[in-house]
PDB file of N, CA and C in Angstrom:
ATOM      1  N   UNK A   1       0.827  -1.207   0.000  1.00  0.00           N
ATOM      2  CA  UNK A   1       0.000   0.000   0.000  1.00  0.00           C
ATOM      3  C   UNK A   1       0.860   1.255   0.000  1.00  0.00           C
ATOM      4  N   UNK A   2       1.971   1.240   0.737  1.00  0.00           N
ATOM      5  CA  UNK A   2       2.837   2.419   0.778  1.00  0.00           C
ATOM      6  C   UNK A   2       3.492   2.697  -0.574  1.00  0.00           C
ATOM      7  N   UNK A   3       3.862   1.657  -1.289  1.00  0.00           N
ATOM      8  CA  UNK A   3       4.530   1.830  -2.585  1.00  0.00           C
ATOM      9  C   UNK A   3       3.549   2.115  -3.711  1.00  0.00           C
ATOM     10  N   UNK A   4       2.326   1.655  -3.588  1.00  0.00           N
ATOM     11  CA  UNK A   4       1.316   1.789  -4.636  1.00  0.00           C
ATOM     12  C   UNK A   4       0.755   3.209  -4.624  1.00  0.00           C
ATOM     13  N   UNK A   5       1.504   4.137  -5.184  1.00  0.00           N
ATOM     14  CA  UNK A   5       1.137   5.553  -5.123  1.00  0.00           C
ATOM     15  C   UNK A   5      -0.111   5.894  -5.936  1.00  0.00           C
ATOM     16  N   UNK A   6      -0.335   5.183  -7.037  1.00  0.00           N
ATOM     17  CA  UNK A   6      -1.527   5.478  -7.836  1.00  0.00           C
ATOM     18  C   UNK A   6      -2.745   4.657  -7.393  1.00  0.00           C
ATOM     19  N   UNK A   7      -2.567   3.825  -6.366  1.00  0.00           N
ATOM     20  CA  UNK A   7      -3.650   3.060  -5.734  1.00  0.00           C
ATOM     21  C   UNK A   7      -4.412   2.157  -6.702  1.00  0.00           C
ATOM     22  N   UNK A   8      -3.664   1.531  -7.634  1.00  0.00           N
ATOM     23  CA  UNK A   8      -4.310   0.613  -8.569  1.00  0.00           C
ATOM     24  C   UNK A   8      -4.195  -0.841  -8.128  1.00  0.00           C
ATOM     25  N   UNK A   9      -3.597  -1.076  -6.969  1.00  0.00           N
ATOM     26  CA  UNK A   9      -3.468  -2.433  -6.460  1.00  0.00           C
ATOM     27  C   UNK A   9      -2.201  -3.143  -6.894  1.00  0.00           C
ATOM     28  N   UNK A  10      -1.331  -2.449  -7.620  1.00  0.00           N
ATOM     29  CA  UNK A  10      -0.082  -3.023  -8.111  1.00  0.00           C
ATOM     30  C   UNK A  10       1.072  -2.053  -7.861  1.00  0.00           C
ATOM     31  N   UNK A  11       2.287  -2.571  -7.896  1.00  0.00           N
ATOM     32  CA  UNK A  11       3.480  -1.729  -7.783  1.00  0.00           C
ATOM     33  C   UNK A  11       4.191  -1.755  -9.134  1.00  0.00           C
ATOM     34  N   UNK A  12       4.184  -0.601  -9.831  1.00  0.00           N
ATOM     35  CA  UNK A  12       4.898  -0.473 -11.088  1.00  0.00           C
ATOM     36  C   UNK A  12       6.371  -0.181 -10.798  1.00  0.00           C
ATOM     37  N   UNK A  13       7.208  -0.349 -11.810  1.00  0.00           N
ATOM     38  CA  UNK A  13       8.649  -0.150 -11.637  1.00  0.00           C
ATOM     39  C   UNK A  13       8.955   1.266 -11.152  1.00  0.00           C
ATOM     40  N   UNK A  14       8.235   2.260 -11.647  1.00  0.00           N
ATOM     41  CA  UNK A  14       8.498   3.643 -11.213  1.00  0.00           C
ATOM     42  C   UNK A  14       8.135   3.842  -9.742  1.00  0.00           C
ATOM     43  N   UNK A  15       7.090   3.184  -9.276  1.00  0.00           N
ATOM     44  CA  UNK A  15       6.738   3.264  -7.862  1.00  0.00           C
ATOM     45  C   UNK A  15       7.795   2.560  -7.019  1.00  0.00           C
ATOM     46  N   UNK A  16       8.267   1.435  -7.512  1.00  0.00           N
ATOM     47  CA  UNK A  16       9.326   0.679  -6.833  1.00  0.00           C
ATOM     48  C   UNK A  16      10.587   1.535  -6.714  1.00  0.00           C
ATOM     49  N   UNK A  17      10.997   2.169  -7.812  1.00  0.00           N
ATOM     50  CA  UNK A  17      12.199   3.009  -7.808  1.00  0.00           C
ATOM     51  C   UNK A  17      11.999   4.237  -6.932  1.00  0.00           C
ATOM     52  N   UNK A  18      10.828   4.832  -6.981  1.00  0.00           N
ATOM     53  CA  UNK A  18      10.559   6.042  -6.182  1.00  0.00           C
ATOM     54  C   UNK A  18      10.724   5.789  -4.693  1.00  0.00           C
ATOM     55  N   UNK A  19      10.516   4.548  -4.264  1.00  0.00           N
ATOM     56  CA  UNK A  19      10.715   4.208  -2.861  1.00  0.00           C
ATOM     57  C   UNK A  19      12.192   4.148  -2.503  1.00  0.00           C
ATOM     58  N   UNK A  20      13.054   3.939  -3.493  1.00  0.00           N
ATOM     59  CA  UNK A  20      14.485   3.786  -3.269  1.00  0.00           C
ATOM     60  C   UNK A  20      15.292   5.046  -3.564  1.00  0.00           C
ATOM     61  N   UNK A  21      14.808   5.853  -4.500  1.00  0.00           N
ATOM     62  CA  UNK A  21      15.619   6.949  -5.026  1.00  0.00           C
ATOM     63  C   UNK A  21      14.724   8.076  -5.502  1.00  0.00           C
ATOM     64  N   UNK A  22      15.126   9.296  -5.186  1.00  0.00           N
ATOM     65  CA  UNK A  22      14.421  10.480  -5.651  1.00  0.00           C
ATOM     66  C   UNK A  22      15.429  11.390  -6.348  1.00  0.00           C
ATOM     67  N   UNK A  23      15.292  11.532  -7.651  1.00  0.00           N
ATOM     68  CA  UNK A  23      16.240  12.330  -8.436  1.00  0.00           C
ATOM     69  C   UNK A  23      15.981  13.824  -8.244  1.00  0.00           C
ATOM     70  N   UNK A  24      17.061  14.562  -8.233  1.00  0.00           N
ATOM     71  CA  UNK A  24      16.970  16.017  -8.250  1.00  0.00           C
ATOM     72  C   UNK A  24      16.834  16.439  -9.716  1.00  0.00           C
ATOM     73  N   UNK A  25      16.184  17.564 -10.002  1.00  0.00           N
ATOM     74  CA  UNK A  25      16.049  18.014 -11.391  1.00  0.00           C
ATOM     75  C   UNK A  25      17.416  18.137 -12.072  1.00  0.00           C
ATOM     76  N   UNK A  26      17.525  17.552 -13.253  1.00  0.00           N
ATOM     77  CA  UNK A  26      18.768  17.606 -14.019  1.00  0.00           C
ATOM     78  C   UNK A  26      19.826  16.612 -13.594  1.00  0.00           C
ATOM     79  N   UNK A  27      19.570  15.867 -12.527  1.00  0.00           N
ATOM     80  CA  UNK A  27      20.530  14.886 -12.023  1.00  0.00           C
ATOM     81  C   UNK A  27      20.438  13.597 -12.824  1.00  0.00           C
ATOM     82  N   UNK A  28      21.591  13.057 -13.216  1.00  0.00           N
ATOM     83  CA  UNK A  28      21.615  11.787 -13.931  1.00  0.00           C
ATOM     84  C   UNK A  28      21.354  10.649 -12.957  1.00  0.00           C
ATOM     85  N   UNK A  29      20.578   9.687 -13.404  1.00  0.00           N
ATOM     86  CA  UNK A  29      20.241   8.541 -12.567  1.00  0.00           C
ATOM     87  C   UNK A  29      21.483   7.681 -12.332  1.00  0.00           C
ATOM     88  N   UNK A  30      21.797   7.348 -11.080  1.00  0.00           N
ATOM     89  CA  UNK A  30      22.973   6.514 -10.789  1.00  0.00           C
ATOM     90  C   UNK A  30      22.828   5.104 -11.367  1.00  0.00           C
ATOM     91  N   UNK A  31      23.965   4.465 -11.590  1.00  0.00           N
ATOM     92  CA  UNK A  31      23.990   3.121 -12.171  1.00  0.00           C
ATOM     93  C   UNK A  31      23.224   2.124 -11.308  1.00  0.00           C
ATOM     94  N   UNK A  32      23.285   2.277  -9.987  1.00  0.00           N
ATOM     95  CA  UNK A  32      22.614   1.309  -9.121  1.00  0.00           C
ATOM     96  C   UNK A  32      21.097   1.338  -9.318  1.00  0.00           C
ATOM     97  N   UNK A  33      20.562   2.485  -9.744  1.00  0.00           N
ATOM     98  CA  UNK A  33      19.120   2.567  -9.984  1.00  0.00           C
ATOM     99  C   UNK A  33      18.766   1.735 -11.212  1.00  0.00           C
ATOM    100  N   UNK A  34      19.600   1.788 -12.240  1.00  0.00           N
ATOM    101  CA  UNK A  34      19.382   0.935 -13.412  1.00  0.00           C
ATOM    102  C   UNK A  34      19.448  -0.544 -13.026  1.00  0.00           C
ATOM    103  N   UNK A  35      20.366  -0.873 -12.122  1.00  0.00           N
ATOM    104  CA  UNK A  35      20.467  -2.247 -11.628  1.00  0.00           C
ATOM    105  C   UNK A  35      19.178  -2.645 -10.926  1.00  0.00           C
ATOM    106  N   UNK A  36      18.618  -1.748 -10.135  1.00  0.00           N
ATOM    107  CA  UNK A  36      17.353  -2.034  -9.453  1.00  0.00           C
ATOM    108  C   UNK A  36      16.206  -2.210 -10.449  1.00  0.00           C
ATOM    109  N   UNK A  37      16.203  -1.420 -11.520  1.00  0.00           N
ATOM    110  CA  UNK A  37      15.176  -1.590 -12.556  1.00  0.00           C
ATOM    111  C   UNK A  37      15.274  -2.995 -13.163  1.00  0.00           C
ATOM    112  N   UNK A  38      16.503  -3.434 -13.416  1.00  0.00           N
ATOM    113  CA  UNK A  38      16.719  -4.760 -13.974  1.00  0.00           C
ATOM    114  C   UNK A  38      16.293  -5.839 -12.988  1.00  0.00           C
ATOM    115  N   UNK A  39      16.614  -5.627 -11.692  1.00  0.00           N
ATOM    116  CA  UNK A  39      16.187  -6.561 -10.650  1.00  0.00           C
ATOM    117  C   UNK A  39      14.662  -6.682 -10.640  1.00  0.00           C
ATOM    118  N   UNK A  40      13.987  -5.555 -10.772  1.00  0.00           N
ATOM    119  CA  UNK A  40      12.525  -5.550 -10.803  1.00  0.00           C
ATOM    120  C   UNK A  40      12.033  -6.426 -11.952  1.00  0.00           C
ATOM    121  N   UNK A  41      12.574  -6.196 -13.162  1.00  0.00           N
ATOM    122  CA  UNK A  41      12.133  -6.943 -14.347  1.00  0.00           C
ATOM    123  C   UNK A  41      12.488  -8.422 -14.275  1.00  0.00           C
ATOM    124  N   UNK A  42      13.711  -8.717 -13.811  1.00  0.00           N
ATOM    125  CA  UNK A  42      14.202 -10.097 -13.870  1.00  0.00           C
ATOM    126  C   UNK A  42      13.789 -10.965 -12.684  1.00  0.00           C
ATOM    127  N   UNK A  43      13.686 -10.358 -11.486  1.00  0.00           N
ATOM    128  CA  UNK A  43      13.496 -11.163 -10.279  1.00  0.00           C
ATOM    129  C   UNK A  43      12.264 -10.815  -9.455  1.00  0.00           C
ATOM    130  N   UNK A  44      11.799  -9.587  -9.491  1.00  0.00           N
ATOM    131  CA  UNK A  44      10.643  -9.201  -8.675  1.00  0.00           C
ATOM    132  C   UNK A  44       9.327  -9.485  -9.399  1.00  0.00           C
ATOM    133  N   UNK A  45       9.267  -9.117 -10.688  1.00  0.00           N
ATOM    134  CA  UNK A  45       8.050  -9.306 -11.486  1.00  0.00           C
ATOM    135  C   UNK A  45       8.034 -10.741 -12.014  1.00  0.00           C
ATOM    136  N   UNK A  46       7.593 -11.654 -11.165  1.00  0.00           N
ATOM    137  CA  UNK A  46       7.696 -13.084 -11.459  1.00  0.00           C
ATOM    138  C   UNK A  46       6.905 -13.514 -12.689  1.00  0.00           C
ATOM    139  N   UNK A  47       5.743 -12.924 -12.908  1.00  0.00           N
ATOM    140  CA  UNK A  47       4.934 -13.326 -14.064  1.00  0.00           C
ATOM    141  C   UNK A  47       5.155 -12.416 -15.277  1.00  0.00           C
ATOM    142  N   UNK A  48       6.093 -11.485 -15.176  1.00  0.00           N
ATOM    143  CA  UNK A  48       6.514 -10.624 -16.298  1.00  0.00           C
ATOM    144  C   UNK A  48       5.369  -9.824 -16.909  1.00  0.00           C
ATOM    145  N   UNK A  49       4.453  -9.339 -16.037  1.00  0.00           N
ATOM    146  CA  UNK A  49       3.344  -8.528 -16.543  1.00  0.00           C
ATOM    147  C   UNK A  49       3.573  -7.030 -16.368  1.00  0.00           C
ATOM    148  N   UNK A  50       4.772  -6.637 -15.918  1.00  0.00           N
ATOM    149  CA  UNK A  50       5.104  -5.217 -15.819  1.00  0.00           C
ATOM    150  C   UNK A  50       4.826  -4.561 -14.487  1.00  0.00           C
ATOM    151  N   UNK A  51       4.267  -5.307 -13.552  1.00  0.00           N
ATOM    152  CA  UNK A  51       4.011  -4.752 -12.217  1.00  0.00           C
ATOM    153  C   UNK A  51       3.984  -5.894 -11.199  1.00  0.00           C
ATOM    154  N   UNK A  52       4.038  -5.502  -9.935  1.00  0.00           N
ATOM    155  CA  UNK A  52       4.001  -6.490  -8.850  1.00  0.00           C
ATOM    156  C   UNK A  52       2.608  -6.535  -8.258  1.00  0.00           C
ATOM    157  N   UNK A  53       2.086  -7.741  -8.124  1.00  0.00           N
ATOM    158  CA  UNK A  53       0.826  -7.915  -7.405  1.00  0.00           C
ATOM    159  C   UNK A  53       1.151  -8.298  -5.959  1.00  0.00           C
ATOM    160  N   UNK A  54       0.140  -8.556  -5.172  1.00  0.00           N
ATOM    161  CA  UNK A  54       0.345  -8.860  -3.748  1.00  0.00           C
ATOM    162  C   UNK A  54       1.241 -10.050  -3.502  1.00  0.00           C
ATOM    163  N   UNK A  55       1.080 -11.103  -4.290  1.00  0.00           N
ATOM    164  CA  UNK A  55       1.907 -12.287  -4.062  1.00  0.00           C
ATOM    165  C   UNK A  55       3.365 -12.043  -4.440  1.00  0.00           C
ATOM    166  N   UNK A  56       3.601 -11.235  -5.477  1.00  0.00           N
ATOM    167  CA  UNK A  56       4.978 -10.914  -5.864  1.00  0.00           C
ATOM    168  C   UNK A  56       5.653 -10.024  -4.819  1.00  0.00           C
ATOM    169  N   UNK A  57       4.897  -9.106  -4.250  1.00  0.00           N
ATOM    170  CA  UNK A  57       5.442  -8.276  -3.171  1.00  0.00           C
ATOM    171  C   UNK A  57       5.774  -9.160  -1.975  1.00  0.00           C
ATOM    172  N   UNK A  58       4.883 -10.100  -1.658  1.00  0.00           N
ATOM    173  CA  UNK A  58       5.148 -11.035  -0.560  1.00  0.00           C
ATOM    174  C   UNK A  58       6.391 -11.858  -0.802  1.00  0.00           C
ATOM    175  N   UNK A  59       6.584 -12.316  -2.016  1.00  0.00           N
ATOM    176  CA  UNK A  59       7.768 -13.097  -2.380  1.00  0.00           C
ATOM    177  C   UNK A  59       9.031 -12.254  -2.247  1.00  0.00           C
ATOM    178  N   UNK A  60       8.921 -10.973  -2.591  1.00  0.00           N
ATOM    179  CA  UNK A  60      10.055 -10.042  -2.479  1.00  0.00           C
ATOM    180  C   UNK A  60      10.387  -9.783  -1.011  1.00  0.00           C
ATOM    181  N   UNK A  61       9.389  -9.489  -0.206  1.00  0.00           N
ATOM    182  CA  UNK A  61       9.608  -9.127   1.194  1.00  0.00           C
ATOM    183  C   UNK A  61      10.044 -10.322   2.032  1.00  0.00           C
ATOM    184  N   UNK A  62       9.422 -11.460   1.825  1.00  0.00           N
ATOM    185  CA  UNK A  62       9.764 -12.686   2.553  1.00  0.00           C
ATOM    186  C   UNK A  62       9.980 -13.826   1.562  1.00  0.00           C
ATOM    187  N   UNK A  63      11.156 -13.865   0.923  1.00  0.00           N
ATOM    188  CA  UNK A  63      11.399 -14.928  -0.061  1.00  0.00           C
ATOM    189  C   UNK A  63      11.261 -16.308   0.572  1.00  0.00           C
ATOM    190  N   UNK A  64      10.668 -17.235  -0.157  1.00  0.00           N
ATOM    191  CA  UNK A  64      10.492 -18.578   0.397  1.00  0.00           C
ATOM    192  C   UNK A  64      11.828 -19.316   0.508  1.00  0.00           C
ATOM    193  N   UNK A  65      11.924 -20.148   1.530  1.00  0.00           N
ATOM    194  CA  UNK A  65      13.062 -21.055   1.705  1.00  0.00           C
ATOM    195  C   UNK A  65      14.417 -20.355   1.722  1.00  0.00           C
ATOM    196  N   UNK A  66      14.491 -19.185   2.315  1.00  0.00           N
ATOM    197  CA  UNK A  66      15.773 -18.524   2.480  1.00  0.00           C
ATOM    198  C   UNK A  66      15.992 -18.230   3.947  1.00  0.00           C
ATOM    199  N   UNK A  67      17.219 -18.350   4.351  1.00  0.00           N
ATOM    200  CA  UNK A  67      17.610 -17.968   5.694  1.00  0.00           C
ATOM    201  C   UNK A  67      17.854 -16.459   5.666  1.00  0.00           C
ATOM    202  N   UNK A  68      16.809 -15.670   5.948  1.00  0.00           N
ATOM    203  CA  UNK A  68      16.857 -14.228   5.787  1.00  0.00           C
ATOM    204  C   UNK A  68      18.003 -13.571   6.559  1.00  0.00           C
ATOM    205  N   UNK A  69      18.259 -13.951   7.821  1.00  0.00           N
ATOM    206  CA  UNK A  69      19.407 -13.340   8.505  1.00  0.00           C
ATOM    207  C   UNK A  69      20.732 -13.626   7.793  1.00  0.00           C
ATOM    208  N   UNK A  70      20.896 -14.831   7.271  1.00  0.00           N
ATOM    209  CA  UNK A  70      22.122 -15.163   6.550  1.00  0.00           C
ATOM    210  C   UNK A  70      22.227 -14.366   5.255  1.00  0.00           C
ATOM    211  N   UNK A  71      21.136 -14.239   4.534  1.00  0.00           N
ATOM    212  CA  UNK A  71      21.128 -13.459   3.293  1.00  0.00           C
ATOM    213  C   UNK A  71      21.507 -12.012   3.589  1.00  0.00           C
ATOM    214  N   UNK A  72      20.926 -11.437   4.624  1.00  0.00           N
ATOM    215  CA  UNK A  72      21.218 -10.040   4.979  1.00  0.00           C
ATOM    216  C   UNK A  72      22.665  -9.884   5.432  1.00  0.00           C
ATOM    217  N   UNK A  73      23.168 -10.807   6.230  1.00  0.00           N
ATOM    218  CA  UNK A  73      24.566 -10.743   6.678  1.00  0.00           C
ATOM    219  C   UNK A  73      25.515 -10.809   5.486  1.00  0.00           C
ATOM    220  N   UNK A  74      25.249 -11.708   4.544  1.00  0.00           N
ATOM    221  CA  UNK A  74      26.094 -11.802   3.352  1.00  0.00           C
ATOM    222  C   UNK A  74      26.032 -10.530   2.524  1.00  0.00           C
ATOM    223  N   UNK A  75      24.853  -9.944   2.423  1.00  0.00           N
ATOM    224  CA  UNK A  75      24.707  -8.680   1.690  1.00  0.00           C
ATOM    225  C   UNK A  75      25.534  -7.575   2.348  1.00  0.00           C
ATOM    226  N   UNK A  76      25.427  -7.463   3.653  1.00  0.00           N
ATOM    227  CA  UNK A  76      26.180  -6.425   4.362  1.00  0.00           C
ATOM    228  C   UNK A  76      27.686  -6.637   4.238  1.00  0.00           C
ATOM    229  N   UNK A  77      28.127  -7.873   4.324  1.00  0.00           N
ATOM    230  CA  UNK A  77      29.548  -8.161   4.155  1.00  0.00           C
ATOM    231  C   UNK A  77      30.007  -7.810   2.741  1.00  0.00           C
ATOM    232  N   UNK A  78      29.219  -8.177   1.751  1.00  0.00           N
ATOM    233  CA  UNK A  78      29.565  -7.879   0.357  1.00  0.00           C
ATOM    234  C   UNK A  78      29.669  -6.369   0.131  1.00  0.00           C
ATOM    235  N   UNK A  79      28.702  -5.625   0.635  1.00  0.00           N
ATOM    236  CA  UNK A  79      28.705  -4.167   0.454  1.00  0.00           C
ATOM    237  C   UNK A  79      29.843  -3.494   1.210  1.00  0.00           C
ATOM    238  N   UNK A  80      30.238  -4.041   2.333  1.00  0.00           N
ATOM    239  CA  UNK A  80      31.318  -3.455   3.134  1.00  0.00           C
ATOM    240  C   UNK A  80      32.704  -3.778   2.588  1.00  0.00           C
ATOM    241  N   UNK A  81      32.821  -4.834   1.818  1.00  0.00           N
ATOM    242  CA  UNK A  81      34.115  -5.254   1.243  1.00  0.00           C
ATOM    243  C   UNK A  81      34.401  -4.386   0.018  1.00  0.00           C
ATOM    244  N   UNK A  82      34.827  -3.152   0.245  1.00  0.00           N
ATOM    245  CA  UNK A  82      34.959  -2.184  -0.845  1.00  0.00           C
ATOM    246  C   UNK A  82      36.031  -2.556  -1.858  1.00  0.00           C
ATOM    247  N   UNK A  83      37.071  -3.262  -1.460  1.00  0.00           N
ATOM    248  CA  UNK A  83      38.100  -3.662  -2.436  1.00  0.00           C
ATOM    249  C   UNK A  83      37.822  -5.040  -3.035  1.00  0.00           C
ATOM    250  N   UNK A  84      36.715  -5.656  -2.625  1.00  0.00           N
ATOM    251  CA  UNK A  84      36.231  -6.939  -3.166  1.00  0.00           C
ATOM    252  C   UNK A  84      37.293  -8.041  -3.134  1.00  0.00           C
ATOM    253  N   UNK A  85      38.048  -8.085  -2.022  1.00  0.00           N
ATOM    254  CA  UNK A  85      39.056  -9.142  -1.880  1.00  0.00           C
ATOM    255  C   UNK A  85      38.533 -10.341  -1.090  1.00  0.00           C
ATOM    256  N   UNK A  86      37.245 -10.297  -0.702  1.00  0.00           N
ATOM    257  CA  UNK A  86      36.657 -11.406   0.037  1.00  0.00           C
ATOM    258  C   UNK A  86      36.912 -11.363   1.532  1.00  0.00           C
ATOM    259  N   UNK A  87      37.561 -10.308   1.983  1.00  0.00           N
ATOM    260  CA  UNK A  87      37.858 -10.150   3.415  1.00  0.00           C
ATOM    261  C   UNK A  87      37.568  -8.709   3.824  1.00  0.00           C
ATOM    262  N   UNK A  88      37.212  -8.522   5.102  1.00  0.00           N
ATOM    263  CA  UNK A  88      37.003  -7.176   5.608  1.00  0.00           C
ATOM    264  C   UNK A  88      38.223  -6.740   6.386  1.00  0.00           C
ATOM    265  N   UNK A  89      38.788  -5.613   5.982  1.00  0.00           N
ATOM    266  CA  UNK A  89      39.903  -5.030   6.731  1.00  0.00           C
ATOM    267  C   UNK A  89      39.335  -4.182   7.869  1.00  0.00           C
ATOM    268  N   UNK A  90      40.166  -3.816   8.788  1.00  0.00           N
ATOM    269  CA  UNK A  90      39.732  -2.953   9.900  1.00  0.00           C
ATOM    270  C   UNK A  90      39.190  -1.636   9.334  1.00  0.00           C
ATOM    271  N   UNK A  91      39.872  -1.102   8.315  1.00  0.00           N
ATOM    272  CA  UNK A  91      39.430   0.175   7.712  1.00  0.00           C
ATOM    273  C   UNK A  91      38.038   0.021   7.077  1.00  0.00           C
ATOM    274  N   UNK A  92      37.782  -1.103   6.392  1.00  0.00           N
ATOM    275  CA  UNK A  92      36.472  -1.324   5.786  1.00  0.00           C
ATOM    276  C   UNK A  92      35.390  -1.443   6.846  1.00  0.00           C
ATOM    277  N   UNK A  93      35.693  -2.126   7.924  1.00  0.00           N
ATOM    278  CA  UNK A  93      34.738  -2.278   9.013  1.00  0.00           C
ATOM    279  C   UNK A  93      34.403  -0.923   9.631  1.00  0.00           C
ATOM    280  N   UNK A  94      35.433  -0.134   9.902  1.00  0.00           N
ATOM    281  CA  UNK A  94      35.221   1.168  10.534  1.00  0.00           C
ATOM    282  C   UNK A  94      34.516   2.162   9.614  1.00  0.00           C
ATOM    283  N   UNK A  95      34.788   2.078   8.317  1.00  0.00           N
ATOM    284  CA  UNK A  95      34.165   3.042   7.400  1.00  0.00           C
ATOM    285  C   UNK A  95      32.731   2.658   7.018  1.00  0.00           C
ATOM    286  N   UNK A  96      32.366   1.398   7.281  1.00  0.00           N
ATOM    287  CA  UNK A  96      31.025   0.957   6.918  1.00  0.00           C
ATOM    288  C   UNK A  96      30.178   0.632   8.132  1.00  0.00           C
TER     289      UNK A  96
END
């Protein structure tokens, strides 16, 4: 409901992106936003109809058969490993 700004019962890609990023006038969209658009098309919109329905949002928020704490921990470790050497240095830990 929070993401469905036009209240049509679905989450379109622009509504999905608007929840993550708000561009300033004249500002170029960052590369990570394009990655999120691709994620929406490839992994969030399971039936490829151009928007998310309630079940797709549920699948996104609580993916089935995943250890959510482990997934989140791996994500945080990956994002903090700025030199991508597979290890966290003291500097990476402190800066992230």
